Amino acid sequence: MAPGPAKAYTSDHAILEDGSVTFACSGDMELWPWLKLPAQHPIVIQTQNYWTSVGASAALGTLDEGKWSALTWTDWALHDHSATHAMQGIFARTLVEDKLAFETRLFDQDEKLIVTMRGRGVVFRTRNFEEWREGTKRKLADQSGPTGFRYAPRELLNLSDAEVPLVSELDGPHAAALITKENGLLPGHPYFSGSGDHVNAPHLAEVARQVASQINAGMPLLVVSGEMDMYRYVELGIKFDVRLLEHAANSATMEIVQKDRSCAKLSLNWETIRS
């Protein structure tokens, strides 16, 4: 997370007696183009995960806008699959495995519960983030550059007309992914945003969804829950591997590896959408 966001997805914050925060959500598709995707889409959920936590933390006075931070773990689960986009929500502090975390629940205009999201993160309070990251990016970029990357056919990935492939076609339990500033940020991809420093949580969730779509033989699917454990930055512009650790008809766990370094583990559960 970059310091000092210049816009706000949430508004009308109210701090309750138990310390939780209620808020309203924006429905402005011009300001938030990712709202053109379904409310249950992983890109939407992970983008909301970021902006709702920023808004609630600012309301609580715990957002340090002068420091970079990073989401290190998150999970989410859908509830009412007929729900439309979020109009309101509630953010609360909680414990997950005895570690401090946050939980956010989002509701649509009819008060249907869309999703419950939880997360943990870290704030870089003392490290010179920009200098540290620049050195890391330069070192990895010097090792090799992407050449001749072949993305999977669109029909295997269940993409809307505006979305773009991020992953290669599965080869057994392996796929590759390449996210660049051209296909992973505005204006090249209309639904992604971010600092541009690294591959972020919405990127990784969409990579996992595109791999799941291939496991599902290209049939439309609804991701009903997921978990992401992110312990090392994934760099933009450098290919990374997606290794299936296990998968079944409606679930998969995968590891993200870049330059022989394990960076994250992702798990998804889904349902096939049958017309």
Protein backbone atom coordinates (compact mmCIF):
# COMPACT_ATOMS: atom_id res chain seq x y z
CA MET A 1 0.00 0.00 0.00
CA ALA A 2 1.38 3.36 -1.01
CA PRO A 3 1.16 6.22 1.49
CA GLY A 4 -1.44 8.95 1.21
CA PRO A 5 -4.33 7.76 -1.04
CA ALA A 6 -5.82 10.71 -2.89
CA LYS A 7 -9.38 9.37 -3.17
CA ALA A 8 -11.81 7.46 -0.99
CA TYR A 9 -14.08 4.52 -1.82
CA THR A 10 -15.83 4.71 1.57
CA SER A 11 -17.64 7.59 3.29
CA ASP A 12 -19.99 8.38 6.20
CA HIS A 13 -17.83 6.50 8.69
CA ALA A 14 -19.21 5.94 12.18
CA ILE A 15 -17.26 4.40 15.05
CA LEU A 16 -19.41 2.14 17.22
CA GLU A 17 -19.01 1.52 20.94
CA ASP A 18 -17.13 -1.73 20.33
CA GLY A 19 -14.60 0.05 18.10
CA SER A 20 -15.94 -1.28 14.81
CA VAL A 21 -16.54 1.14 11.94
CA THR A 22 -19.59 1.34 9.68
CA PHE A 23 -19.35 3.07 6.32
CA ALA A 24 -21.02 3.67 2.97
CA CYS A 25 -19.48 2.46 -0.30
CA SER A 26 -19.24 4.36 -3.56
CA GLY A 27 -21.17 3.15 -6.60
CA ASP A 28 -19.41 5.52 -9.01
CA MET A 29 -18.29 3.36 -11.95
CA GLU A 30 -16.40 6.23 -13.54
CA LEU A 31 -14.25 6.69 -10.47
CA TRP A 32 -14.08 2.96 -9.72
CA PRO A 33 -14.16 1.12 -13.09
CA TRP A 34 -13.82 -2.31 -11.45
CA LEU A 35 -17.44 -1.92 -10.30
CA LYS A 36 -18.35 -2.94 -13.86
CA LEU A 37 -17.35 -6.48 -12.88
CA PRO A 38 -19.76 -8.68 -10.87
CA ALA A 39 -19.84 -7.97 -7.13
CA GLN A 40 -18.44 -11.45 -6.41
CA HIS A 41 -15.41 -11.18 -8.70
CA PRO A 42 -12.05 -11.64 -6.90
CA ILE A 43 -10.69 -8.41 -8.40
CA VAL A 44 -13.63 -6.50 -6.91
CA ILE A 45 -13.33 -8.18 -3.53
CA GLN A 46 -9.59 -7.65 -3.18
CA THR A 47 -9.81 -4.04 -4.34
CA GLN A 48 -12.57 -3.43 -1.80
CA ASN A 49 -10.45 -5.17 0.82
CA TYR A 50 -7.80 -2.50 0.33
CA TRP A 51 -10.00 0.58 0.10
CA THR A 52 -12.36 -0.34 2.95
CA SER A 53 -9.47 -1.02 5.31
CA VAL A 54 -7.85 2.29 4.34
CA GLY A 55 -11.08 4.19 4.95
CA ALA A 56 -11.83 2.52 8.27
CA SER A 57 -8.25 2.90 9.51
CA ALA A 58 -8.34 6.60 8.64
CA ALA A 59 -11.61 6.97 10.56
CA LEU A 60 -10.05 5.25 13.58
CA GLY A 61 -6.95 7.44 13.36
CA THR A 62 -4.65 4.44 12.89
CA LEU A 63 -3.69 5.04 9.25
CA ASP A 64 -0.10 6.25 8.96
CA GLU A 65 -0.21 8.02 5.61
CA GLY A 66 3.52 8.67 5.66
CA LYS A 67 4.45 4.98 5.62
CA TRP A 68 4.13 2.13 3.17
CA SER A 69 2.29 -0.98 4.25
CA ALA A 70 1.63 -4.42 2.81
CA LEU A 71 -1.16 -6.97 3.06
CA THR A 72 0.46 -10.25 4.08
CA TRP A 73 -2.55 -12.54 4.50
CA THR A 74 -6.21 -12.47 3.58
CA ASP A 75 -9.18 -14.76 3.16
CA TRP A 76 -12.73 -14.21 1.99
CA ALA A 77 -16.01 -16.06 1.67
CA LEU A 78 -19.12 -15.19 -0.31
CA HIS A 79 -22.57 -15.30 1.26
CA ASP A 80 -25.64 -14.38 -0.82
CA HIS A 81 -24.67 -15.08 -4.42
CA SER A 82 -27.56 -12.96 -5.70
CA ALA A 83 -26.26 -9.82 -4.01
CA THR A 84 -25.40 -6.77 -6.09
CA HIS A 85 -22.57 -4.31 -5.46
CA ALA A 86 -21.77 -3.11 -1.95
CA MET A 87 -23.51 -0.03 -0.61
CA GLN A 88 -22.43 -0.31 3.03
CA GLY A 89 -20.13 -2.28 5.28
CA ILE A 90 -18.63 -2.77 8.71
CA PHE A 91 -14.95 -3.08 9.64
CA ALA A 92 -13.73 -4.58 12.92
CA ARG A 93 -10.52 -5.68 14.57
CA THR A 94 -10.31 -9.38 15.31
CA LEU A 95 -7.91 -12.23 16.03
CA VAL A 96 -7.04 -14.94 13.53
CA GLU A 97 -4.88 -17.73 14.96
CA ASP A 98 -4.12 -15.43 17.93
CA LYS A 99 -2.78 -12.73 15.60
CA LEU A 100 -4.29 -9.26 15.24
CA ALA A 101 -6.29 -8.98 12.03
CA PHE A 102 -9.26 -7.13 10.58
CA GLU A 103 -12.62 -8.34 9.31
CA THR A 104 -14.85 -6.53 6.84
CA ARG A 105 -18.41 -7.41 5.86
CA LEU A 106 -20.08 -5.79 2.86
CA PHE A 107 -23.80 -5.50 2.14
CA ASP A 108 -25.74 -4.51 -0.97
CA GLN A 109 -28.62 -2.03 -1.25
CA ASP A 110 -31.07 -4.66 0.01
CA GLU A 111 -28.81 -5.44 3.00
CA LYS A 112 -27.84 -8.81 1.55
CA LEU A 113 -24.46 -9.91 2.90
CA ILE A 114 -22.08 -10.15 -0.06
CA VAL A 115 -18.79 -11.18 1.45
CA THR A 116 -16.77 -11.48 4.64
CA MET A 117 -13.09 -10.59 4.24
CA ARG A 118 -10.29 -10.86 6.76
CA GLY A 119 -6.70 -9.68 6.54
CA ARG A 120 -3.39 -8.99 8.23
CA GLY A 121 -0.61 -6.66 7.19
CA VAL A 122 2.63 -4.96 8.09
CA VAL A 123 3.64 -1.29 8.17
CA PHE A 124 7.18 -0.33 7.17
CA ARG A 125 7.76 2.20 9.95
CA THR A 126 11.56 2.41 9.95
CA ARG A 127 12.74 1.01 6.62
CA ASN A 128 13.46 3.35 3.68
CA PHE A 129 10.89 1.57 1.55
CA GLU A 130 11.61 3.21 -1.80
CA GLU A 131 15.38 2.68 -1.57
CA TRP A 132 14.99 -0.92 -0.40
CA ARG A 133 12.50 -1.76 -3.13
CA GLU A 134 14.52 -0.11 -5.88
CA GLY A 135 17.53 -2.24 -5.04
CA THR A 136 15.49 -5.44 -5.03
CA LYS A 137 13.76 -4.65 -8.32
CA ARG A 138 17.02 -3.75 -10.02
CA LYS A 139 18.70 -6.95 -8.86
CA LEU A 140 15.90 -9.19 -10.13
CA ALA A 141 15.46 -7.31 -13.39
CA ASP A 142 19.18 -7.64 -14.14
CA GLN A 143 18.98 -11.43 -13.95
CA SER A 144 16.79 -11.80 -17.02
CA GLY A 145 13.96 -10.13 -18.87
CA PRO A 146 10.71 -11.51 -20.28
CA THR A 147 10.95 -12.71 -23.87
CA GLY A 148 8.32 -14.35 -26.02
CA PHE A 149 5.70 -14.86 -23.33
CA ARG A 150 2.62 -16.67 -24.61
CA TYR A 151 -0.62 -16.07 -22.74
CA ALA A 152 -3.41 -18.65 -22.55
CA PRO A 153 -6.29 -18.38 -25.05
CA ARG A 154 -9.02 -16.05 -23.84
CA GLU A 155 -11.69 -18.72 -24.16
CA LEU A 156 -10.02 -20.72 -21.38
CA LEU A 157 -10.01 -17.79 -18.95
CA ASN A 158 -13.60 -16.50 -18.83
CA LEU A 159 -12.66 -12.90 -19.50
CA SER A 160 -14.93 -9.98 -20.27
CA ASP A 161 -14.16 -7.99 -23.40
CA ALA A 162 -12.18 -5.43 -21.39
CA GLU A 163 -10.05 -7.91 -19.43
CA VAL A 164 -6.73 -9.37 -20.54
CA PRO A 165 -4.93 -12.69 -19.97
CA LEU A 166 -2.26 -12.73 -17.27
CA VAL A 167 -1.24 -16.41 -17.32
CA SER A 168 0.00 -19.00 -19.77
CA GLU A 169 -1.85 -22.18 -20.59
CA LEU A 170 -1.49 -24.86 -17.93
CA ASP A 171 1.14 -27.49 -18.66
CA GLY A 172 0.39 -30.26 -16.20
CA PRO A 173 0.63 -28.72 -12.71
CA HIS A 174 2.47 -25.62 -13.95
CA ALA A 175 1.63 -22.29 -15.52
CA ALA A 176 3.51 -19.04 -15.84
CA ALA A 177 2.29 -15.48 -15.41
CA LEU A 178 3.58 -12.12 -16.53
CA ILE A 179 2.09 -8.89 -15.21
CA THR A 180 3.51 -5.66 -16.54
CA LYS A 181 2.61 -2.01 -16.14
CA GLU A 182 1.00 -2.30 -19.57
CA ASN A 183 -1.39 -5.17 -18.80
CA GLY A 184 -1.63 -4.81 -15.03
CA LEU A 185 -2.41 -1.13 -14.51
CA LEU A 186 -4.59 1.58 -15.98
CA PRO A 187 -5.13 2.29 -18.82
CA GLY A 188 -4.00 -1.08 -20.21
CA HIS A 189 -6.20 -2.96 -17.77
CA PRO A 190 -9.33 -1.03 -16.82
CA TYR A 191 -9.99 -2.83 -13.54
CA PHE A 192 -6.59 -2.84 -11.86
CA SER A 193 -5.05 -0.05 -9.82
CA GLY A 194 -2.23 0.20 -7.33
CA SER A 195 1.07 1.87 -6.63
CA GLY A 196 2.81 0.37 -9.66
CA ASP A 197 5.60 -0.80 -7.38
CA HIS A 198 4.75 -4.51 -7.43
CA VAL A 199 2.15 -7.16 -8.21
CA ASN A 200 -0.64 -6.66 -5.66
CA ALA A 201 -3.41 -8.73 -4.08
CA PRO A 202 -6.03 -8.12 -6.82
CA HIS A 203 -3.44 -9.22 -9.41
CA LEU A 204 -2.70 -12.43 -7.52
CA ALA A 205 -6.38 -13.19 -6.98
CA GLU A 206 -7.00 -12.80 -10.71
CA VAL A 207 -4.01 -15.00 -11.56
CA ALA A 208 -5.47 -17.69 -9.32
CA ARG A 209 -8.91 -17.26 -10.91
CA GLN A 210 -7.46 -17.61 -14.43
CA VAL A 211 -5.67 -20.81 -13.42
CA ALA A 212 -8.88 -22.10 -11.80
CA SER A 213 -10.75 -21.34 -15.01
CA GLN A 214 -8.36 -23.60 -16.90
CA ILE A 215 -8.76 -26.38 -14.33
CA ASN A 216 -12.50 -25.94 -14.90
CA ALA A 217 -11.96 -26.52 -18.64
CA GLY A 218 -12.91 -22.96 -19.46
CA MET A 219 -16.45 -23.30 -18.09
CA PRO A 220 -17.78 -20.21 -16.26
CA LEU A 221 -17.17 -20.32 -12.54
CA LEU A 222 -17.94 -18.41 -9.37
CA VAL A 223 -15.13 -18.16 -6.83
CA VAL A 224 -16.92 -18.69 -3.51
CA SER A 225 -13.95 -18.41 -1.15
CA GLY A 226 -10.22 -17.93 -1.18
CA GLU A 227 -7.11 -17.42 0.90
CA MET A 228 -3.81 -15.74 0.06
CA ASP A 229 -0.64 -15.90 2.15
CA MET A 230 1.83 -13.35 0.72
CA TYR A 231 5.30 -13.31 2.21
CA ARG A 232 7.50 -11.85 -0.53
CA TYR A 233 6.83 -9.19 -3.15
CA VAL A 234 6.15 -10.36 -6.71
CA GLU A 235 7.74 -7.98 -9.19
CA LEU A 236 6.04 -6.38 -12.17
CA GLY A 237 7.57 -7.08 -15.57
CA ILE A 238 9.24 -10.33 -14.49
CA LYS A 239 7.70 -13.71 -15.27
CA PHE A 240 6.70 -15.88 -12.34
CA ASP A 241 5.62 -19.50 -12.00
CA VAL A 242 2.29 -20.76 -10.72
CA ARG A 243 2.69 -24.25 -9.31
CA LEU A 244 -0.37 -26.31 -8.48
CA LEU A 245 0.21 -27.96 -5.13
CA GLU A 246 -3.14 -29.70 -5.14
CA HIS A 247 -6.43 -29.41 -6.95
CA ALA A 248 -9.80 -31.05 -7.27
CA ALA A 249 -12.87 -30.43 -9.38
CA ASN A 250 -13.78 -27.24 -7.51
CA SER A 251 -10.69 -26.20 -5.57
CA ALA A 252 -6.99 -25.54 -5.97
CA THR A 253 -3.97 -24.53 -3.94
CA MET A 254 -1.06 -22.98 -5.78
CA GLU A 255 2.36 -21.53 -5.02
CA ILE A 256 3.75 -18.39 -6.63
CA VAL A 257 7.48 -18.63 -7.37
CA GLN A 258 9.58 -15.89 -8.98
CA LYS A 259 13.29 -16.28 -9.69
CA ASP A 260 13.35 -19.49 -7.62
CA ARG A 261 11.91 -17.61 -4.62
CA SER A 262 8.61 -18.69 -3.12
CA CYS A 263 6.47 -15.55 -2.79
CA ALA A 264 2.92 -16.59 -1.96
CA LYS A 265 0.43 -19.42 -1.58
CA LEU A 266 -3.08 -19.03 -2.94
CA SER A 267 -6.17 -21.20 -2.48
CA LEU A 268 -9.53 -20.91 -4.23
CA ASN A 269 -12.84 -22.74 -4.01
CA TRP A 270 -15.41 -22.32 -6.76
CA GLU A 271 -18.70 -23.45 -8.22
CA THR A 272 -19.32 -24.05 -11.91
CA ILE A 273 -21.97 -21.72 -13.34
CA ARG A 274 -24.36 -23.77 -15.43
CA SER A 275 -26.69 -22.02 -17.84
